[in-house]
Structures are given as C-alpha cells and as structure tokens.
Protein backbone atom coordinates (compact mmCIF):
# COMPACT_ATOMS: atom_id res chain seq x y z
CA MET A 1 -23.46 -12.83 30.62
CA ILE A 2 -25.26 -15.51 32.99
CA GLY A 3 -28.22 -14.21 35.34
CA ARG A 4 -25.80 -14.28 38.83
CA ARG A 5 -28.51 -12.72 40.53
CA ALA A 6 -30.75 -15.65 39.86
CA ILE A 7 -28.40 -18.36 40.98
CA ILE A 8 -27.19 -16.54 43.99
CA THR A 9 -30.84 -15.07 45.23
CA LEU A 10 -30.97 -18.68 47.16
CA LEU A 11 -33.74 -20.37 48.53
CA GLY A 12 -32.98 -22.00 52.00
CA GLY A 13 -32.89 -25.64 51.77
CA ALA A 14 -35.93 -25.83 49.28
CA ALA A 15 -35.58 -27.12 45.58
CA ALA A 16 -35.71 -23.95 43.09
CA ALA A 17 -34.78 -24.28 39.31
CA TRP A 18 -34.32 -21.17 36.96
CA PRO A 19 -34.35 -20.95 33.10
CA ILE A 20 -31.36 -18.93 32.05
CA ALA A 21 -29.91 -17.84 28.67
CA ALA A 22 -26.61 -18.71 27.90
CA ARG A 23 -24.11 -16.05 26.28
CA GLY A 24 -24.24 -15.64 23.13
CA GLN A 25 -27.34 -17.42 22.82
CA GLN A 26 -30.50 -16.28 20.56
CA HIS A 27 -33.91 -16.14 22.24
CA THR A 28 -35.28 -18.79 19.70
CA GLU A 29 -33.11 -21.18 21.12
CA ARG A 30 -33.70 -23.46 24.33
CA ARG A 31 -33.10 -21.75 27.23
CA ARG A 32 -30.85 -23.12 29.55
CA ARG A 33 -31.77 -24.37 33.45
CA VAL A 34 -30.00 -23.46 36.30
CA ALA A 35 -31.29 -25.53 39.72
CA ALA A 36 -30.25 -24.96 42.77
CA LEU A 37 -30.19 -26.98 46.40
CA ILE A 38 -29.24 -25.11 49.27
CA GLY A 39 -29.41 -26.58 53.05
CA TRP A 40 -29.09 -24.66 56.56
CA THR A 41 -31.53 -25.96 59.10
CA ASP A 42 -32.50 -29.66 60.97
CA ALA A 43 -35.69 -30.07 58.64
CA ASN A 44 -34.04 -29.43 55.29
CA ALA A 45 -31.52 -31.53 56.11
CA GLU A 46 -33.83 -34.35 56.71
CA ARG A 47 -35.59 -33.67 53.57
CA THR A 48 -32.12 -33.20 51.93
CA PRO A 49 -32.79 -36.80 49.89
CA THR A 50 -36.33 -36.04 48.77
CA LEU A 51 -35.49 -32.27 47.07
CA ALA A 52 -32.54 -34.44 45.61
CA LYS A 53 -34.48 -36.50 43.63
CA GLU A 54 -37.08 -34.34 42.67
CA LEU A 55 -34.25 -31.63 41.71
CA VAL A 56 -32.78 -34.04 39.14
CA ARG A 57 -36.00 -35.11 37.95
CA GLY A 58 -36.46 -32.34 36.17
CA ARG A 59 -32.81 -32.66 34.48
CA PRO A 60 -31.50 -29.13 34.65
CA ASP A 61 -28.61 -28.29 32.41
CA VAL A 62 -26.52 -27.54 35.70
CA ILE A 63 -27.26 -28.07 40.07
CA LEU A 64 -25.94 -25.73 42.34
CA ALA A 65 -25.09 -27.28 45.71
CA ALA A 66 -24.40 -25.77 49.01
CA THR A 67 -23.09 -27.45 51.82
CA THR A 68 -22.23 -31.32 52.16
CA PRO A 69 -24.71 -33.59 52.84
CA VAL A 70 -26.91 -31.80 50.08
CA THR A 71 -24.04 -31.88 47.34
CA VAL A 72 -23.55 -35.23 48.30
CA SER A 73 -27.33 -35.89 47.89
CA VAL A 74 -27.48 -34.60 44.67
CA PHE A 75 -24.03 -36.85 43.66
CA ARG A 76 -26.14 -39.98 44.45
CA GLU A 77 -28.96 -38.63 42.17
CA THR A 78 -27.05 -38.06 39.62
CA LYS A 79 -23.63 -38.67 37.71
CA GLU A 80 -24.11 -37.34 34.37
CA ILE A 81 -25.73 -33.59 35.38
CA PRO A 82 -22.86 -30.46 36.18
CA ILE A 83 -23.07 -30.18 39.72
CA VAL A 84 -21.26 -27.17 41.36
CA PHE A 85 -20.78 -26.85 45.15
CA ALA A 86 -20.20 -24.27 47.70
CA ILE A 87 -19.62 -24.44 51.26
CA VAL A 88 -17.83 -28.43 51.09
CA SER A 89 -15.07 -28.61 53.72
CA ASP A 90 -13.38 -31.69 52.28
CA PRO A 91 -15.01 -32.76 49.41
CA VAL A 92 -11.99 -35.82 48.14
CA GLY A 93 -13.20 -36.91 51.43
CA ALA A 94 -16.72 -36.94 51.05
CA GLY A 95 -16.05 -38.85 47.55
CA LEU A 96 -17.28 -36.11 45.38
CA VAL A 97 -14.23 -35.89 43.39
CA ALA A 98 -10.78 -37.54 42.80
CA SER A 99 -8.62 -34.51 43.68
CA LEU A 100 -8.56 -30.70 43.73
CA SER A 101 -6.91 -30.60 40.66
CA HIS A 102 -8.64 -32.66 38.61
CA PRO A 103 -12.33 -33.52 40.08
CA GLY A 104 -12.34 -36.12 37.33
CA GLY A 105 -16.40 -36.57 37.28
CA ASN A 106 -19.45 -34.19 37.35
CA VAL A 107 -18.72 -32.40 40.16
CA THR A 108 -16.86 -29.28 41.07
CA GLY A 109 -16.60 -26.22 43.05
CA PHE A 110 -15.45 -24.46 46.30
CA ILE A 111 -14.25 -25.12 49.66
CA ASN A 112 -15.39 -22.94 51.80
CA VAL A 113 -12.62 -24.01 55.21
CA GLU A 114 -9.40 -25.96 54.88
CA ALA A 115 -8.11 -28.44 57.41
CA ALA A 116 -5.74 -26.08 58.59
CA MET A 117 -8.68 -23.42 59.67
CA GLY A 118 -8.95 -25.82 62.71
CA GLY A 119 -5.56 -24.51 64.46
CA LYS A 120 -6.03 -20.87 63.36
CA TRP A 121 -9.33 -20.81 64.99
CA LEU A 122 -8.06 -22.04 68.50
CA GLU A 123 -5.15 -19.43 68.12
CA LEU A 124 -7.25 -16.57 67.93
CA VAL A 125 -9.29 -17.36 70.48
CA LYS A 126 -6.40 -17.83 72.61
CA GLN A 127 -5.33 -14.28 71.27
CA ILE A 128 -8.46 -12.96 72.94
CA ALA A 129 -8.56 -15.03 75.97
CA PRO A 130 -4.76 -15.66 77.40
CA SER A 131 -5.65 -17.31 80.37
CA MET A 132 -7.27 -20.58 78.82
CA LYS A 133 -6.11 -23.73 79.76
CA ARG A 134 -8.34 -25.87 77.89
CA ALA A 135 -9.56 -25.74 74.47
CA ALA A 136 -12.72 -27.49 73.51
CA ILE A 137 -13.73 -28.40 69.49
CA MET A 138 -17.68 -29.07 69.18
CA PHE A 139 -19.01 -31.15 65.61
CA ASN A 140 -21.57 -33.58 65.04
CA PRO A 141 -20.10 -36.84 63.72
CA ASN A 142 -23.03 -37.14 61.45
CA THR A 143 -22.79 -33.61 59.73
CA ALA A 144 -19.05 -32.37 60.27
CA PRO A 145 -16.79 -32.97 57.68
CA GLY A 146 -14.66 -36.21 57.59
CA GLY A 147 -16.60 -36.92 60.93
CA GLY A 148 -15.16 -34.68 62.80
CA SER A 149 -11.56 -35.49 61.63
CA TYR A 150 -11.05 -32.80 59.17
CA PHE A 151 -9.83 -30.08 61.50
CA LEU A 152 -8.92 -32.68 64.43
CA GLY A 153 -5.60 -32.59 63.32
CA SER A 154 -4.51 -28.65 63.25
CA PHE A 155 -6.67 -27.99 65.98
CA GLU A 156 -4.59 -30.34 68.36
CA ASP A 157 -1.39 -29.47 67.03
CA ALA A 158 -2.45 -25.74 67.84
CA ALA A 159 -3.30 -26.58 71.61
CA ARG A 160 -0.49 -28.38 71.76
CA SER A 161 1.79 -25.30 70.77
CA LEU A 162 0.24 -23.04 72.79
CA ALA A 163 -0.12 -25.24 76.25
CA VAL A 164 -3.61 -25.66 76.04
CA GLU A 165 -5.52 -29.34 77.13
CA SER A 166 -7.44 -30.32 74.00
CA SER A 167 -10.73 -32.17 73.92
CA THR A 168 -13.17 -33.19 71.78
CA LEU A 169 -17.48 -32.71 72.26
CA SER A 170 -19.12 -34.97 69.74
CA VAL A 171 -22.67 -34.15 70.01
CA ARG A 172 -25.86 -34.89 68.06
CA SER A 173 -28.96 -33.04 70.09
CA ALA A 174 -29.51 -29.77 71.05
CA ALA A 175 -29.45 -31.28 74.59
CA GLU A 176 -26.19 -32.68 73.72
CA ILE A 177 -24.77 -29.58 72.64
CA GLU A 178 -26.32 -27.46 76.11
CA GLN A 179 -24.41 -30.43 78.04
CA ALA A 180 -21.27 -30.17 76.32
CA ILE A 181 -21.03 -26.30 76.88
CA LYS A 182 -22.19 -26.42 80.97
CA SER A 183 -19.24 -29.48 80.83
CA LEU A 184 -17.02 -26.01 80.00
CA ASP A 185 -18.24 -24.08 82.61
CA GLY A 186 -15.30 -23.11 85.26
CA THR A 187 -12.58 -24.52 83.47
CA GLU A 188 -10.99 -22.03 81.63
CA ALA A 189 -12.03 -23.11 78.61
CA GLY A 190 -12.45 -21.82 75.08
CA LEU A 191 -14.46 -23.29 72.39
CA VAL A 192 -14.23 -24.14 69.06
CA LEU A 193 -16.85 -24.83 66.68
CA MET A 194 -16.23 -26.70 63.56
CA THR A 195 -18.00 -26.02 60.07
CA ASP A 196 -21.10 -27.98 60.51
CA SER A 197 -24.25 -27.71 58.90
CA PHE A 198 -25.86 -29.03 62.52
CA LEU A 199 -23.94 -26.45 64.52
CA GLY A 200 -24.95 -23.97 61.92
CA ALA A 201 -28.93 -25.15 62.55
CA ASN A 202 -28.29 -24.49 66.33
CA GLN A 203 -26.01 -21.14 66.17
CA SER A 204 -28.74 -18.95 68.21
CA MET A 205 -28.39 -21.70 71.45
CA ILE A 206 -25.04 -21.96 71.14
CA ILE A 207 -24.28 -18.41 71.19
CA ALA A 208 -26.96 -17.88 73.99
CA ARG A 209 -25.58 -20.75 76.01
CA ALA A 210 -21.75 -19.88 75.65
CA LEU A 211 -22.20 -16.68 76.71
CA ARG A 212 -24.07 -17.95 79.70
CA HIS A 213 -21.12 -20.45 81.11
CA THR A 214 -18.81 -16.95 79.89
CA ILE A 215 -17.15 -19.37 77.45
CA PRO A 216 -15.22 -17.78 74.51
CA THR A 217 -16.45 -19.47 71.18
CA ILE A 218 -15.47 -19.06 67.68
CA CYS A 219 -17.40 -20.69 64.22
CA ASP A 220 -16.65 -19.40 60.34
CA PRO A 221 -19.70 -17.88 59.63
CA ALA A 222 -19.97 -13.93 60.24
CA SER A 223 -23.31 -14.47 61.06
CA PHE A 224 -21.85 -16.06 64.12
CA ALA A 225 -20.25 -13.07 65.42
CA ARG A 226 -23.26 -10.80 64.09
CA ASP A 227 -25.81 -12.53 65.83
CA GLY A 228 -23.79 -12.75 69.25
CA GLY A 229 -20.99 -14.93 68.72
CA LEU A 230 -17.82 -13.52 70.41
CA LEU A 231 -15.71 -14.30 66.96
CA SER A 232 -16.12 -15.65 63.69
CA TYR A 233 -13.47 -16.23 61.04
CA GLY A 234 -13.94 -17.42 57.36
CA PRO A 235 -14.26 -17.20 53.95
CA ASN A 236 -16.54 -14.28 52.69
CA TYR A 237 -19.72 -16.62 51.49
CA ALA A 238 -20.87 -13.98 48.64
CA ASP A 239 -17.81 -14.21 47.06
CA LEU A 240 -17.92 -17.96 46.95
CA PHE A 241 -21.13 -17.98 45.56
CA ARG A 242 -20.10 -15.65 43.21
CA ARG A 243 -17.24 -17.83 41.88
CA ALA A 244 -19.42 -20.16 42.17
CA ALA A 245 -21.78 -18.22 39.63
CA GLU A 246 -18.82 -18.04 37.47
CA TYR A 247 -18.11 -21.68 37.16
CA VAL A 248 -22.21 -22.71 36.43
CA GLY A 249 -21.56 -20.04 33.48
CA ARG A 250 -18.85 -21.68 31.97
CA ILE A 251 -20.31 -24.74 32.09
CA LEU A 252 -23.66 -23.85 30.55
CA GLU A 253 -20.52 -22.45 27.65
CA GLY A 254 -19.56 -26.29 27.31
CA VAL A 255 -16.73 -26.53 29.53
CA ARG A 256 -16.67 -29.94 31.51
CA PRO A 257 -16.82 -30.06 35.46
CA ALA A 258 -13.72 -32.20 35.01
CA ASP A 259 -11.92 -29.55 33.58
CA LEU A 260 -12.48 -26.97 36.51
CA PRO A 261 -10.15 -27.22 39.51
CA VAL A 262 -11.95 -27.25 42.75
CA GLN A 263 -10.69 -23.85 44.34
CA ILE A 264 -10.12 -22.66 48.07
CA PRO A 265 -11.26 -19.09 49.63
CA THR A 266 -9.25 -16.38 48.36
CA THR A 267 -11.38 -13.81 50.95
CA TYR A 268 -11.37 -14.34 54.63
CA ASP A 269 -13.51 -12.10 56.81
CA LEU A 270 -12.76 -11.67 60.64
CA VAL A 271 -15.55 -10.13 62.80
CA ILE A 272 -15.42 -9.70 66.38
CA ASN A 273 -18.41 -9.09 68.79
CA LEU A 274 -17.08 -6.33 71.20
CA LYS A 275 -20.42 -6.51 73.10
CA THR A 276 -20.18 -10.19 73.68
CA ALA A 277 -16.24 -9.88 74.82
CA ARG A 278 -16.96 -7.33 77.31
CA ALA A 279 -19.65 -9.61 78.55
CA LEU A 280 -17.08 -12.33 79.08
CA GLY A 281 -14.91 -10.21 80.75
CA LEU A 282 -12.29 -10.19 78.02
CA ASP A 283 -10.32 -7.09 76.51
CA VAL A 284 -9.63 -7.39 72.62
CA PRO A 285 -6.24 -6.97 71.94
CA PRO A 286 -5.46 -3.53 69.76
CA MET A 287 -3.60 -5.67 67.42
CA LEU A 288 -6.73 -8.24 66.87
CA LEU A 289 -8.88 -5.19 66.29
CA ALA A 290 -7.11 -3.97 64.37
CA ARG A 291 -7.40 -7.01 61.40
CA ALA A 292 -10.31 -6.91 62.10
CA ASN A 293 -12.73 -6.65 58.92
CA GLU A 294 -15.82 -6.02 61.29
CA VAL A 295 -16.23 -4.99 64.85
CA ILE A 296 -19.37 -5.04 66.19
CA GLU A 297 -19.44 -2.44 69.33
C-alpha cells in the first residue's frame, strides 16, 4: 500500500518530499518520491513560485498540490511530472486540465467546491437570517476562482430567487476587508465568503469583524464555524486528501494522470456555531440544526 499518512501529513505552505515504496516493489528497487506543496497563508502565497521551482528541481515521481495558486505555480514549472491537486475549484478555467472527464495532460485531481455552491451558501444564510434584505459576496480577484466570477452566477440567481439585493465586495488587503464588512453594518445584510486562499489567510479577522458588525457570514471550511464564524458548508477536506492519496498511488503504479478524471466532492459538512448565532441575535431553525453535521454550543 502507498504510505497515505506520509502523503496527507501536510506541511502548511512548505515544499516537502517523502520517499515512498509503491505497492509490490521489493526493498532493493528504487524508492519512489512523492512531493507536496500546500499553501495556506499570505506569506506562503508570495513564496509559492520559488517553492514550486525548488520542488520540481528535485524531480519527484508525483507532486501533490493544494490550492489553485499552488497548483498553477507547479504546473508552470513542469508539464512532465504528474501532479495531483486538491482544493482547486475551477481547474478548467485555471488552465490546468482540458476537461474534467479527460484532463489530457500531466494534471488531475479533486475539485473542492463547484460553481453552484455560491447559491447554496446564500440559501443557508437566508434560512438562519430570514430578515436579510441584502446579500454580499466577498473575494480577492487575484486569488479567487475565475477572478471572482466562478460563483457569481449561482449567487446572483439565488439572490433573485430569495428576493434579496446582491452585491460584490472585491478586496485585496486586510484594510479593504475591514472596510467592506463595515459597509454592511446596519443594512440587514448577510455575507458569503468565496473559497479563496486570501480570505482563508484572513479568516480570524473576518470572523471577528463580522461579529462586531453583526453580519451573519458563511464560508466553506469547517474551521470557519469552529473558530467562531456563524456557518460553514463545504467538502470534507480530509476525505478529499484521502482520495487524492489514492490517485497518487495509482499514478505510482503506472496510471497516467490524463486517464484519471477530475472528481468532485462526495462528502459535505454543515457546521453551525450556536454561540455565534446567539451573539448575532439569531434563532437557528430546528430543521437546519437537524441537517448539521456538527453544532458548536
């Protein structure tokens, strides 16, 4: 078996490589090397191109990449070494694969969030905050999928269906995040955060500011609600990385990335923070509580 634990023991934002013996290999044969590049913070994002060059220079047998900026950086450095990605929302739009069913090159992997999720996030906020009259979606155009356009269609469709006014909040710095959230204060607004590495790096600040200005807010990673955000709804990331590890194993056994279709999540988690709901003066509907995978008291 492939050493999955080594593969998914991720070193945040740093390049790492592990020697791994492929299934059926004898101890006298060459040990295979799997490298990983995972990006979570602003500092790491700035270093990503350099780390990608360093990683590819080591000539691993397979590279595991997480987040769109990281995967794009690695892809720019090699069209030969197989790359398996996770936490990439729009691999076709990012130019990583030709199509989901037929990737066509040295890259394949697992999408974390489909475009339709923009509408689903908004619907959840509306359920918990029925008096909401305005809905905003925040993103950094430099790091969000499609420059921020990927989720907009489903978000705007849901806003029309729910009879709420929709708006976009484009931010590129912590100061702009603060101003954007402040602009929603007193407007009976809800806030949707795109899956975006920049917003993820500023998650703690966003949670604090949204609470200060009494803005019900949703994001995709479970850590958002666990760390004090109101709601999170998105894929089970541990499951995504387990499935990515399986793809790494198949590639080490000789399967080409071009023959492995890009896959979507199969497991989603809804996490509700009741403490935050109470602080915002919101009553969580019993039906929504019943749907939750995790409720934080």
